[in-house]
Amino acid sequence: PVERPAGAFYLWPAVPDGDGEAFAARLHARQNVAVLPGRYLGRDAGAGNPGAGRVRLSLVPEPAACREAALRIREFVERG
Protein backbone atom coordinates (compact mmCIF):
# COMPACT_ATOMS: atom_id res chain seq x y z
CA PRO A 1 0.00 0.00 0.00
CA VAL A 2 1.17 3.53 -0.82
CA GLU A 3 -0.49 6.93 -0.87
CA ARG A 4 0.10 9.30 -3.77
CA PRO A 5 1.94 12.34 -2.39
CA ALA A 6 0.42 15.78 -2.90
CA GLY A 7 3.69 17.37 -3.91
CA ALA A 8 6.76 15.33 -3.04
CA PHE A 9 9.14 13.12 -4.93
CA TYR A 10 9.22 10.30 -2.39
CA LEU A 11 6.92 7.32 -1.93
CA TRP A 12 6.60 5.45 1.38
CA PRO A 13 5.13 2.02 0.54
CA ALA A 14 4.50 -0.59 3.19
CA VAL A 15 6.59 -3.73 2.73
CA PRO A 16 4.90 -7.14 2.56
CA ASP A 17 6.63 -8.67 5.58
CA GLY A 18 6.80 -5.49 7.67
CA ASP A 19 10.62 -5.49 7.86
CA GLY A 20 11.91 -2.53 5.86
CA GLU A 21 15.57 -3.33 6.48
CA ALA A 22 15.32 -6.92 5.27
CA PHE A 23 13.17 -5.89 2.31
CA ALA A 24 15.68 -3.21 1.24
CA ALA A 25 18.63 -5.62 1.52
CA ARG A 26 16.90 -8.39 -0.46
CA LEU A 27 15.64 -5.97 -3.12
CA HIS A 28 19.13 -4.61 -3.66
CA ALA A 29 20.72 -8.06 -3.77
CA ARG A 30 18.15 -9.55 -6.16
CA GLN A 31 17.10 -6.61 -8.34
CA ASN A 32 19.88 -4.03 -7.90
CA VAL A 33 17.38 -1.40 -6.74
CA ALA A 34 18.29 0.68 -3.71
CA VAL A 35 15.62 1.92 -1.30
CA LEU A 36 15.96 3.19 2.24
CA PRO A 37 14.25 1.52 5.19
CA GLY A 38 11.64 3.99 6.44
CA ARG A 39 12.60 3.33 10.05
CA TYR A 40 15.92 5.09 9.38
CA LEU A 41 14.11 8.35 8.61
CA GLY A 42 11.57 8.37 11.41
CA ARG A 43 11.80 8.39 15.15
CA ASP A 44 9.72 6.89 17.87
CA ALA A 45 7.04 9.39 18.81
CA GLY A 46 4.65 7.91 21.32
CA ALA A 47 2.81 5.73 18.80
CA GLY A 48 6.05 4.20 17.47
CA ASN A 49 8.21 4.97 14.47
CA PRO A 50 6.01 6.08 11.54
CA GLY A 51 8.56 4.72 9.04
CA ALA A 52 8.62 1.21 10.50
CA GLY A 53 7.38 -1.41 8.06
CA ARG A 54 7.93 0.90 5.08
CA VAL A 55 10.67 1.89 2.68
CA ARG A 56 11.31 5.25 1.05
CA LEU A 57 11.48 5.36 -2.72
CA SER A 58 13.02 8.46 -4.24
CA LEU A 59 11.64 9.53 -7.62
CA VAL A 60 14.63 11.72 -8.46
CA PRO A 61 16.10 9.85 -11.46
CA GLU A 62 14.80 10.32 -15.00
CA PRO A 63 11.26 8.94 -15.53
CA ALA A 64 12.56 5.99 -17.56
CA ALA A 65 14.84 4.92 -14.70
CA CYS A 66 11.97 5.27 -12.19
CA ARG A 67 9.74 3.09 -14.40
CA GLU A 68 12.47 0.46 -14.72
CA ALA A 69 12.97 0.41 -10.94
CA ALA A 70 9.20 0.14 -10.42
CA LEU A 71 9.05 -2.88 -12.73
CA ARG A 72 11.93 -4.52 -10.85
CA ILE A 73 10.26 -3.84 -7.50
CA ARG A 74 6.96 -5.28 -8.72
CA GLU A 75 8.71 -8.40 -10.02
CA PHE A 76 10.52 -8.79 -6.70
CA VAL A 77 7.31 -8.44 -4.65
CA GLU A 78 5.35 -10.81 -6.91
CA ARG A 79 8.04 -13.50 -6.66
CA GLY A 80 8.11 -13.23 -2.88
PDB file of N, CA and C in Angstrom:
ATOM      1  N   PRO A   1       0.828  -1.211   0.000  1.00  0.00           N
ATOM      2  CA  PRO A   1       0.000   0.000   0.000  1.00  0.00           C
ATOM      3  C   PRO A   1       0.862   1.259   0.000  1.00  0.00           C
ATOM      4  N   VAL A   2       0.454   2.249  -0.774  1.00  0.00           N
ATOM      5  CA  VAL A   2       1.167   3.526  -0.819  1.00  0.00           C
ATOM      6  C   VAL A   2       0.176   4.627  -1.183  1.00  0.00           C
ATOM      7  N   GLU A   3       0.341   5.780  -0.553  1.00  0.00           N
ATOM      8  CA  GLU A   3      -0.494   6.928  -0.874  1.00  0.00           C
ATOM      9  C   GLU A   3       0.243   7.821  -1.859  1.00  0.00           C
ATOM     10  N   ARG A   4      -0.495   8.373  -2.806  1.00  0.00           N
ATOM     11  CA  ARG A   4       0.101   9.304  -3.766  1.00  0.00           C
ATOM     12  C   ARG A   4       0.380  10.623  -3.046  1.00  0.00           C
ATOM     13  N   PRO A   5       1.627  11.093  -3.087  1.00  0.00           N
ATOM     14  CA  PRO A   5       1.944  12.340  -2.388  1.00  0.00           C
ATOM     15  C   PRO A   5       1.338  13.548  -3.099  1.00  0.00           C
ATOM     16  N   ALA A   6       0.998  14.564  -2.328  1.00  0.00           N
ATOM     17  CA  ALA A   6       0.418  15.777  -2.904  1.00  0.00           C
ATOM     18  C   ALA A   6       1.449  16.595  -3.669  1.00  0.00           C
ATOM     19  N   GLY A   7       2.698  16.546  -3.245  1.00  0.00           N
ATOM     20  CA  GLY A   7       3.692  17.372  -3.913  1.00  0.00           C
ATOM     21  C   GLY A   7       5.111  17.013  -3.537  1.00  0.00           C
ATOM     22  N   ALA A   8       5.409  15.762  -3.420  1.00  0.00           N
ATOM     23  CA  ALA A   8       6.758  15.326  -3.042  1.00  0.00           C
ATOM     24  C   ALA A   8       7.306  14.386  -4.105  1.00  0.00           C
ATOM     25  N   PHE A   9       8.561  14.071  -3.993  1.00  0.00           N
ATOM     26  CA  PHE A   9       9.142  13.120  -4.930  1.00  0.00           C
ATOM     27  C   PHE A   9       9.612  11.851  -4.221  1.00  0.00           C
ATOM     28  N   TYR A  10       8.960  11.537  -3.119  1.00  0.00           N
ATOM     29  CA  TYR A  10       9.219  10.297  -2.388  1.00  0.00           C
ATOM     30  C   TYR A  10       7.922   9.519  -2.245  1.00  0.00           C
ATOM     31  N   LEU A  11       8.035   8.200  -2.253  1.00  0.00           N
ATOM     32  CA  LEU A  11       6.920   7.324  -1.929  1.00  0.00           C
ATOM     33  C   LEU A  11       7.327   6.523  -0.704  1.00  0.00           C
ATOM     34  N   TRP A  12       6.355   6.175   0.135  1.00  0.00           N
ATOM     35  CA  TRP A  12       6.605   5.448   1.376  1.00  0.00           C
ATOM     36  C   TRP A  12       5.745   4.187   1.414  1.00  0.00           C
ATOM     37  N   PRO A  13       5.982   3.221   0.534  1.00  0.00           N
ATOM     38  CA  PRO A  13       5.129   2.024   0.542  1.00  0.00           C
ATOM     39  C   PRO A  13       5.414   1.106   1.733  1.00  0.00           C
ATOM     40  N   ALA A  14       4.360   0.458   2.169  1.00  0.00           N
ATOM     41  CA  ALA A  14       4.497  -0.587   3.187  1.00  0.00           C
ATOM     42  C   ALA A  14       5.139  -1.798   2.522  1.00  0.00           C
ATOM     43  N   VAL A  15       5.954  -2.520   3.270  1.00  0.00           N
ATOM     44  CA  VAL A  15       6.591  -3.727   2.733  1.00  0.00           C
ATOM     45  C   VAL A  15       5.777  -4.952   3.148  1.00  0.00           C
ATOM     46  N   PRO A  16       5.751  -5.973   2.294  1.00  0.00           N
ATOM     47  CA  PRO A  16       4.900  -7.137   2.557  1.00  0.00           C
ATOM     48  C   PRO A  16       5.126  -7.814   3.908  1.00  0.00           C
ATOM     49  N   ASP A  17       6.367  -7.944   4.328  1.00  0.00           N
ATOM     50  CA  ASP A  17       6.631  -8.671   5.580  1.00  0.00           C
ATOM     51  C   ASP A  17       6.802  -7.750   6.782  1.00  0.00           C
ATOM     52  N   GLY A  18       6.702  -6.435   6.576  1.00  0.00           N
ATOM     53  CA  GLY A  18       6.804  -5.491   7.674  1.00  0.00           C
ATOM     54  C   GLY A  18       8.215  -5.154   8.125  1.00  0.00           C
ATOM     55  N   ASP A  19       9.229  -5.731   7.476  1.00  0.00           N
ATOM     56  CA  ASP A  19      10.624  -5.489   7.855  1.00  0.00           C
ATOM     57  C   ASP A  19      11.317  -4.706   6.739  1.00  0.00           C
ATOM     58  N   GLY A  20      11.336  -3.389   6.885  1.00  0.00           N
ATOM     59  CA  GLY A  20      11.911  -2.526   5.863  1.00  0.00           C
ATOM     60  C   GLY A  20      13.383  -2.778   5.603  1.00  0.00           C
ATOM     61  N   GLU A  21      14.144  -3.074   6.657  1.00  0.00           N
ATOM     62  CA  GLU A  21      15.575  -3.333   6.484  1.00  0.00           C
ATOM     63  C   GLU A  21      15.819  -4.593   5.655  1.00  0.00           C
ATOM     64  N   ALA A  22      15.145  -5.666   6.007  1.00  0.00           N
ATOM     65  CA  ALA A  22      15.324  -6.923   5.273  1.00  0.00           C
ATOM     66  C   ALA A  22      14.836  -6.778   3.835  1.00  0.00           C
ATOM     67  N   PHE A  23      13.703  -6.099   3.646  1.00  0.00           N
ATOM     68  CA  PHE A  23      13.169  -5.887   2.306  1.00  0.00           C
ATOM     69  C   PHE A  23      14.174  -5.124   1.455  1.00  0.00           C
ATOM     70  N   ALA A  24      14.720  -4.027   1.990  1.00  0.00           N
ATOM     71  CA  ALA A  24      15.684  -3.211   1.243  1.00  0.00           C
ATOM     72  C   ALA A  24      16.928  -4.014   0.875  1.00  0.00           C
ATOM     73  N   ALA A  25      17.429  -4.817   1.795  1.00  0.00           N
ATOM     74  CA  ALA A  25      18.633  -5.617   1.523  1.00  0.00           C
ATOM     75  C   ALA A  25      18.363  -6.666   0.444  1.00  0.00           C
ATOM     76  N   ARG A  26      17.226  -7.361   0.546  1.00  0.00           N
ATOM     77  CA  ARG A  26      16.904  -8.388  -0.463  1.00  0.00           C
ATOM     78  C   ARG A  26      16.632  -7.766  -1.826  1.00  0.00           C
ATOM     79  N   LEU A  27      15.933  -6.641  -1.857  1.00  0.00           N
ATOM     80  CA  LEU A  27      15.640  -5.965  -3.118  1.00  0.00           C
ATOM     81  C   LEU A  27      16.927  -5.563  -3.820  1.00  0.00           C
ATOM     82  N   HIS A  28      17.856  -5.026  -3.065  1.00  0.00           N
ATOM     83  CA  HIS A  28      19.127  -4.613  -3.658  1.00  0.00           C
ATOM     84  C   HIS A  28      19.916  -5.818  -4.162  1.00  0.00           C
ATOM     85  N   ALA A  29      19.954  -6.864  -3.378  1.00  0.00           N
ATOM     86  CA  ALA A  29      20.716  -8.057  -3.766  1.00  0.00           C
ATOM     87  C   ALA A  29      20.122  -8.746  -4.990  1.00  0.00           C
ATOM     88  N   ARG A  30      18.809  -8.792  -5.080  1.00  0.00           N
ATOM     89  CA  ARG A  30      18.154  -9.545  -6.163  1.00  0.00           C
ATOM     90  C   ARG A  30      17.846  -8.710  -7.401  1.00  0.00           C
ATOM     91  N   GLN A  31      17.543  -7.429  -7.210  1.00  0.00           N
ATOM     92  CA  GLN A  31      17.100  -6.612  -8.343  1.00  0.00           C
ATOM     93  C   GLN A  31      17.976  -5.375  -8.582  1.00  0.00           C
ATOM     94  N   ASN A  32      18.993  -5.183  -7.764  1.00  0.00           N
ATOM     95  CA  ASN A  32      19.884  -4.030  -7.905  1.00  0.00           C
ATOM     96  C   ASN A  32      19.125  -2.702  -7.851  1.00  0.00           C
ATOM     97  N   VAL A  33      18.135  -2.633  -6.976  1.00  0.00           N
ATOM     98  CA  VAL A  33      17.377  -1.402  -6.744  1.00  0.00           C
ATOM     99  C   VAL A  33      17.591  -1.018  -5.280  1.00  0.00           C
ATOM    100  N   ALA A  34      18.025   0.218  -5.064  1.00  0.00           N
ATOM    101  CA  ALA A  34      18.291   0.683  -3.705  1.00  0.00           C
ATOM    102  C   ALA A  34      17.119   1.519  -3.188  1.00  0.00           C
ATOM    103  N   VAL A  35      16.627   1.150  -2.029  1.00  0.00           N
ATOM    104  CA  VAL A  35      15.619   1.918  -1.303  1.00  0.00           C
ATOM    105  C   VAL A  35      16.116   2.052   0.132  1.00  0.00           C
ATOM    106  N   LEU A  36      15.527   2.956   0.863  1.00  0.00           N
ATOM    107  CA  LEU A  36      15.956   3.186   2.242  1.00  0.00           C
ATOM    108  C   LEU A  36      14.880   2.707   3.206  1.00  0.00           C
ATOM    109  N   PRO A  37      15.249   1.916   4.201  1.00  0.00           N
ATOM    110  CA  PRO A  37      14.245   1.521   5.193  1.00  0.00           C
ATOM    111  C   PRO A  37      13.633   2.763   5.844  1.00  0.00           C
ATOM    112  N   GLY A  38      12.326   2.828   5.889  1.00  0.00           N
ATOM    113  CA  GLY A  38      11.640   3.991   6.443  1.00  0.00           C
ATOM    114  C   GLY A  38      11.965   4.255   7.900  1.00  0.00           C
ATOM    115  N   ARG A  39      12.258   3.200   8.634  1.00  0.00           N
ATOM    116  CA  ARG A  39      12.599   3.328  10.053  1.00  0.00           C
ATOM    117  C   ARG A  39      13.821   4.223  10.260  1.00  0.00           C
ATOM    118  N   TYR A  40      14.716   4.265   9.268  1.00  0.00           N
ATOM    119  CA  TYR A  40      15.924   5.091   9.385  1.00  0.00           C
ATOM    120  C   TYR A  40      15.594   6.585   9.349  1.00  0.00           C
ATOM    121  N   LEU A  41      14.448   6.943   8.796  1.00  0.00           N
ATOM    122  CA  LEU A  41      14.112   8.349   8.613  1.00  0.00           C
ATOM    123  C   LEU A  41      13.063   8.861   9.592  1.00  0.00           C
ATOM    124  N   GLY A  42      12.550   7.977  10.409  1.00  0.00           N
ATOM    125  CA  GLY A  42      11.565   8.371  11.406  1.00  0.00           C
ATOM    126  C   GLY A  42      12.144   8.215  12.800  1.00  0.00           C
ATOM    127  N   ARG A  43      11.376   8.604  13.767  1.00  0.00           N
ATOM    128  CA  ARG A  43      11.796   8.385  15.148  1.00  0.00           C
ATOM    129  C   ARG A  43      10.578   8.007  15.957  1.00  0.00           C
ATOM    130  N   ASP A  44      10.816   7.290  17.008  1.00  0.00           N
ATOM    131  CA  ASP A  44       9.715   6.891  17.871  1.00  0.00           C
ATOM    132  C   ASP A  44       9.073   8.132  18.474  1.00  0.00           C
ATOM    133  N   ALA A  45       7.764   8.217  18.325  1.00  0.00           N
ATOM    134  CA  ALA A  45       7.045   9.393  18.812  1.00  0.00           C
ATOM    135  C   ALA A  45       5.737   8.964  19.475  1.00  0.00           C
ATOM    136  N   GLY A  46       5.841   8.313  20.593  1.00  0.00           N
ATOM    137  CA  GLY A  46       4.649   7.910  21.318  1.00  0.00           C
ATOM    138  C   GLY A  46       3.947   6.707  20.719  1.00  0.00           C
ATOM    139  N   ALA A  47       3.525   6.816  19.475  1.00  0.00           N
ATOM    140  CA  ALA A  47       2.809   5.726  18.801  1.00  0.00           C
ATOM    141  C   ALA A  47       3.764   4.844  18.002  1.00  0.00           C
ATOM    142  N   GLY A  48       5.061   4.997  18.201  1.00  0.00           N
ATOM    143  CA  GLY A  48       6.051   4.204  17.469  1.00  0.00           C
ATOM    144  C   GLY A  48       6.652   4.992  16.317  1.00  0.00           C
ATOM    145  N   ASN A  49       7.522   4.346  15.588  1.00  0.00           N
ATOM    146  CA  ASN A  49       8.212   4.970  14.467  1.00  0.00           C
ATOM    147  C   ASN A  49       7.304   4.926  13.235  1.00  0.00           C
ATOM    148  N   PRO A  50       6.927   6.071  12.679  1.00  0.00           N
ATOM    149  CA  PRO A  50       6.009   6.076  11.541  1.00  0.00           C
ATOM    150  C   PRO A  50       6.605   5.454  10.270  1.00  0.00           C
ATOM    151  N   GLY A  51       7.925   5.331  10.208  1.00  0.00           N
ATOM    152  CA  GLY A  51       8.560   4.719   9.039  1.00  0.00           C
ATOM    153  C   GLY A  51       8.723   3.216   9.147  1.00  0.00           C
ATOM    154  N   ALA A  52       8.464   2.654  10.314  1.00  0.00           N
ATOM    155  CA  ALA A  52       8.624   1.206  10.500  1.00  0.00           C
ATOM    156  C   ALA A  52       7.681   0.454   9.572  1.00  0.00           C
ATOM    157  N   GLY A  53       8.193  -0.594   8.957  1.00  0.00           N
ATOM    158  CA  GLY A  53       7.384  -1.407   8.058  1.00  0.00           C
ATOM    159  C   GLY A  53       7.224  -0.814   6.674  1.00  0.00           C
ATOM    160  N   ARG A  54       7.988   0.227   6.383  1.00  0.00           N
ATOM    161  CA  ARG A  54       7.933   0.902   5.085  1.00  0.00           C
ATOM    162  C   ARG A  54       9.343   1.107   4.549  1.00  0.00           C
ATOM    163  N   VAL A  55       9.415   1.453   3.277  1.00  0.00           N
ATOM    164  CA  VAL A  55      10.667   1.894   2.681  1.00  0.00           C
ATOM    165  C   VAL A  55      10.398   3.232   1.995  1.00  0.00           C
ATOM    166  N   ARG A  56      11.454   3.985   1.780  1.00  0.00           N
ATOM    167  CA  ARG A  56      11.313   5.253   1.052  1.00  0.00           C
ATOM    168  C   ARG A  56      11.882   5.070  -0.344  1.00  0.00           C
ATOM    169  N   LEU A  57      11.064   5.376  -1.323  1.00  0.00           N
ATOM    170  CA  LEU A  57      11.481   5.358  -2.722  1.00  0.00           C
ATOM    171  C   LEU A  57      11.632   6.794  -3.182  1.00  0.00           C
ATOM    172  N   SER A  58      12.765   7.121  -3.742  1.00  0.00           N
ATOM    173  CA  SER A  58      13.016   8.460  -4.243  1.00  0.00           C
ATOM    174  C   SER A  58      12.775   8.484  -5.747  1.00  0.00           C
ATOM    175  N   LEU A  59      11.950   9.410  -6.203  1.00  0.00           N
ATOM    176  CA  LEU A  59      11.638   9.531  -7.621  1.00  0.00           C
ATOM    177  C   LEU A  59      12.450  10.652  -8.254  1.00  0.00           C
ATOM    178  N   VAL A  60      13.742  10.677  -7.969  1.00  0.00           N
ATOM    179  CA  VAL A  60      14.631  11.719  -8.458  1.00  0.00           C
ATOM    180  C   VAL A  60      15.221  11.404  -9.841  1.00  0.00           C
ATOM    181  N   PRO A  61      15.530  10.142 -10.146  1.00  0.00           N
ATOM    182  CA  PRO A  61      16.097   9.854 -11.464  1.00  0.00           C
ATOM    183  C   PRO A  61      15.131  10.195 -12.596  1.00  0.00           C
ATOM    184  N   GLU A  62      15.633  10.103 -13.814  1.00  0.00           N
ATOM    185  CA  GLU A  62      14.800  10.320 -15.001  1.00  0.00           C
ATOM    186  C   GLU A  62      13.588   9.387 -14.948  1.00  0.00           C
ATOM    187  N   PRO A  63      12.468   9.790 -15.544  1.00  0.00           N
ATOM    188  CA  PRO A  63      11.265   8.944 -15.528  1.00  0.00           C
ATOM    189  C   PRO A  63      11.495   7.517 -16.029  1.00  0.00           C
ATOM    190  N   ALA A  64      12.298   7.340 -17.042  1.00  0.00           N
ATOM    191  CA  ALA A  64      12.555   5.986 -17.561  1.00  0.00           C
ATOM    192  C   ALA A  64      13.237   5.112 -16.505  1.00  0.00           C
ATOM    193  N   ALA A  65      14.161   5.681 -15.758  1.00  0.00           N
ATOM    194  CA  ALA A  65      14.844   4.921 -14.702  1.00  0.00           C
ATOM    195  C   ALA A  65      13.871   4.596 -13.565  1.00  0.00           C
ATOM    196  N   CYS A  66      12.978   5.522 -13.237  1.00  0.00           N
ATOM    197  CA  CYS A  66      11.975   5.266 -12.193  1.00  0.00           C
ATOM    198  C   CYS A  66      11.029   4.148 -12.627  1.00  0.00           C
ATOM    199  N   ARG A  67      10.619   4.163 -13.895  1.00  0.00           N
ATOM    200  CA  ARG A  67       9.744   3.091 -14.400  1.00  0.00           C
ATOM    201  C   ARG A  67      10.443   1.745 -14.344  1.00  0.00           C
ATOM    202  N   GLU A  68      11.705   1.707 -14.753  1.00  0.00           N
ATOM    203  CA  GLU A  68      12.473   0.458 -14.719  1.00  0.00           C
ATOM    204  C   GLU A  68      12.583  -0.058 -13.286  1.00  0.00           C
ATOM    205  N   ALA A  69      12.881   0.820 -12.357  1.00  0.00           N
ATOM    206  CA  ALA A  69      12.968   0.414 -10.944  1.00  0.00           C
ATOM    207  C   ALA A  69      11.619  -0.098 -10.450  1.00  0.00           C
ATOM    208  N   ALA A  70      10.530   0.577 -10.833  1.00  0.00           N
ATOM    209  CA  ALA A  70       9.197   0.141 -10.415  1.00  0.00           C
ATOM    210  C   ALA A  70       8.892  -1.256 -10.940  1.00  0.00           C
ATOM    211  N   LEU A  71       9.267  -1.540 -12.170  1.00  0.00           N
ATOM    212  CA  LEU A  71       9.053  -2.880 -12.729  1.00  0.00           C
ATOM    213  C   LEU A  71       9.856  -3.926 -11.966  1.00  0.00           C
ATOM    214  N   ARG A  72      11.092  -3.585 -11.615  1.00  0.00           N
ATOM    215  CA  ARG A  72      11.926  -4.515 -10.848  1.00  0.00           C
ATOM    216  C   ARG A  72      11.355  -4.761  -9.455  1.00  0.00           C
ATOM    217  N   ILE A  73      10.856  -3.696  -8.837  1.00  0.00           N
ATOM    218  CA  ILE A  73      10.257  -3.842  -7.503  1.00  0.00           C
ATOM    219  C   ILE A  73       9.010  -4.717  -7.591  1.00  0.00           C
ATOM    220  N   ARG A  74       8.169  -4.466  -8.570  1.00  0.00           N
ATOM    221  CA  ARG A  74       6.960  -5.278  -8.715  1.00  0.00           C
ATOM    222  C   ARG A  74       7.308  -6.744  -8.923  1.00  0.00           C
ATOM    223  N   GLU A  75       8.286  -7.009  -9.787  1.00  0.00           N
ATOM    224  CA  GLU A  75       8.707  -8.396 -10.021  1.00  0.00           C
ATOM    225  C   GLU A  75       9.213  -9.037  -8.726  1.00  0.00           C
ATOM    226  N   PHE A  76       9.988  -8.295  -7.962  1.00  0.00           N
ATOM    227  CA  PHE A  76      10.519  -8.786  -6.696  1.00  0.00           C
ATOM    228  C   PHE A  76       9.391  -9.128  -5.717  1.00  0.00           C
ATOM    229  N   VAL A  77       8.420  -8.220  -5.588  1.00  0.00           N
ATOM    230  CA  VAL A  77       7.311  -8.436  -4.654  1.00  0.00           C
ATOM    231  C   VAL A  77       6.452  -9.614  -5.114  1.00  0.00           C
ATOM    232  N   GLU A  78       6.192  -9.716  -6.398  1.00  0.00           N
ATOM    233  CA  GLU A  78       5.351 -10.806  -6.908  1.00  0.00           C
ATOM    234  C   GLU A  78       6.010 -12.169  -6.735  1.00  0.00           C
ATOM    235  N   ARG A  79       7.317 -12.220  -6.839  1.00  0.00           N
ATOM    236  CA  ARG A  79       8.043 -13.496  -6.661  1.00  0.00           C
ATOM    237  C   ARG A  79       8.136 -13.909  -5.193  1.00  0.00           C
ATOM    238  N   GLY A  80       8.050 -12.920  -4.308  1.00  0.00           N
ATOM    239  CA  GLY A  80       8.113 -13.225  -2.880  1.00  0.00           C
ATOM    240  C   GLY A  80       9.447 -13.356  -2.384  1.00  0.00           C
TER     241      GLY A  80
END
